[in-house]
Amino acid sequence: MAIKLPGLGEDRNIPLLAVTLLSALAVVLAVVNMVTARSNTQLIGEVRERQQLINQGIQLSPLNVQLSQLIGTLAFQSGDSDLRAVLERFGVTVGEGQASPPGGDASAPKP
């Protein structure tokens, strides 16, 4: 069986099977598009959550530095070797003056 298209004449018939396969392909591609769009929406939500955590970490960073300095000063003044060991395990060096957080400058003035 073939479908006759107007204006193409008798010699230009499209087999019914070809039309059916093209229609099925269009439906499959539409479903794939919907699934991909839903997946993208979920991934965008996850990225937003992670970005929010990163932003919160950036906001809390100065507080972490100040806390490290205060604990280091306390460890130095009290001579608490266990507290010094804990700080050094996390990269905070304790010595004369203030504690130096990882990557920080011990001589930097407090705000």
Protein backbone atom coordinates (compact mmCIF):
# COMPACT_ATOMS: atom_id res chain seq x y z
CA MET A 1 0.00 0.00 0.00
CA ALA A 2 1.25 3.50 -0.77
CA ILE A 3 0.13 7.01 -0.08
CA LYS A 4 -0.49 9.21 -3.07
CA LEU A 5 0.58 12.78 -2.58
CA PRO A 6 -1.26 15.46 -4.50
CA GLY A 7 0.77 17.24 -7.11
CA LEU A 8 3.43 14.53 -7.39
CA GLY A 9 1.71 12.40 -9.95
CA GLU A 10 1.20 8.66 -10.05
CA ASP A 11 4.90 7.78 -10.13
CA ARG A 12 5.72 9.46 -6.77
CA ASN A 13 4.07 7.30 -4.13
CA ILE A 14 5.46 7.05 -0.57
CA PRO A 15 5.22 3.59 0.96
CA LEU A 16 3.06 3.45 4.08
CA LEU A 17 5.84 1.72 6.00
CA ALA A 18 8.22 4.66 5.44
CA VAL A 19 5.65 7.16 6.69
CA THR A 20 4.94 5.00 9.75
CA LEU A 21 8.65 4.67 10.55
CA LEU A 22 9.20 8.41 10.25
CA SER A 23 6.23 9.07 12.53
CA ALA A 24 7.51 6.58 15.10
CA LEU A 25 10.96 8.17 14.95
CA ALA A 26 9.43 11.59 15.61
CA VAL A 27 7.57 10.24 18.66
CA VAL A 28 10.72 8.57 20.01
CA LEU A 29 12.74 11.76 19.57
CA ALA A 30 10.05 13.78 21.34
CA VAL A 31 10.15 11.39 24.32
CA VAL A 32 13.96 11.53 24.43
CA ASN A 33 13.77 15.32 24.39
CA MET A 34 11.33 15.35 27.34
CA VAL A 35 13.50 12.97 29.38
CA THR A 36 16.62 15.01 28.67
CA ALA A 37 14.88 18.26 29.64
CA ARG A 38 13.72 16.77 32.95
CA SER A 39 17.23 15.46 33.66
CA ASN A 40 18.68 18.90 32.94
CA THR A 41 16.23 20.50 35.36
CA GLN A 42 17.32 18.11 38.13
CA LEU A 43 21.01 18.76 37.42
CA ILE A 44 20.47 22.52 37.51
CA GLY A 45 18.84 22.15 40.93
CA GLU A 46 21.83 20.16 42.23
CA VAL A 47 24.25 22.76 40.88
CA ARG A 48 22.31 25.54 42.61
CA GLU A 49 22.46 23.68 45.94
CA ARG A 50 26.21 23.16 45.62
CA GLN A 51 26.76 26.80 44.67
CA GLN A 52 24.81 27.87 47.75
CA LEU A 53 27.11 25.74 49.94
CA ILE A 54 30.17 27.29 48.30
CA ASN A 55 28.81 30.79 48.87
CA GLN A 56 28.11 30.01 52.53
CA GLY A 57 31.66 28.67 52.93
CA ILE A 58 33.07 31.88 51.48
CA GLN A 59 30.99 33.94 53.91
CA LEU A 60 32.17 31.85 56.88
CA SER A 61 35.85 31.86 55.91
CA PRO A 62 36.79 35.05 57.82
CA LEU A 63 35.07 33.66 60.91
CA ASN A 64 37.09 30.45 60.60
CA VAL A 65 40.32 32.45 60.40
CA GLN A 66 39.43 34.48 63.50
CA LEU A 67 38.42 31.35 65.38
CA SER A 68 41.72 29.66 64.47
CA GLN A 69 43.65 32.69 65.68
CA LEU A 70 41.77 32.82 68.98
CA ILE A 71 42.20 29.11 69.66
CA GLY A 72 45.88 29.35 68.72
CA THR A 73 46.39 32.28 71.08
CA LEU A 74 44.65 30.34 73.84
CA ALA A 75 46.81 27.27 73.17
CA PHE A 76 49.97 29.39 73.31
CA GLN A 77 48.99 31.28 76.46
CA SER A 78 47.87 28.19 78.35
CA GLY A 79 50.68 25.97 77.04
CA ASP A 80 48.15 23.29 76.09
CA SER A 81 50.15 20.84 73.97
CA ASP A 82 47.08 18.75 73.07
CA LEU A 83 45.30 21.79 71.67
CA ARG A 84 48.45 22.74 69.74
CA ALA A 85 48.60 19.22 68.29
CA VAL A 86 44.98 19.46 67.13
CA LEU A 87 45.61 22.84 65.51
CA GLU A 88 48.81 21.64 63.82
CA ARG A 89 46.97 18.60 62.46
CA PHE A 90 44.74 21.06 60.57
CA GLY A 91 47.63 23.21 59.40
CA VAL A 92 47.46 25.98 62.02
CA THR A 93 50.89 26.79 63.46
CA VAL A 94 51.07 28.13 66.99
CA GLY A 95 54.00 30.25 68.11
CA GLU A 96 54.91 33.66 69.47
CA GLY A 97 52.09 36.17 69.00
CA GLN A 98 49.08 34.87 67.12
CA ALA A 99 48.15 31.57 65.57
CA SER A 100 48.64 31.42 61.84
CA PRO A 101 45.80 29.77 59.89
CA PRO A 102 46.64 27.68 56.82
CA GLY A 103 47.74 30.02 54.05
CA GLY A 104 47.27 33.01 56.35
CA ASP A 105 49.74 35.60 57.57
CA ALA A 106 50.27 35.66 61.35
CA SER A 107 51.40 39.28 61.22
CA ALA A 108 48.21 40.49 59.54
CA PRO A 109 46.29 42.92 61.75
CA LYS A 110 42.91 41.94 63.10
CA PRO A 111 39.95 43.80 61.57
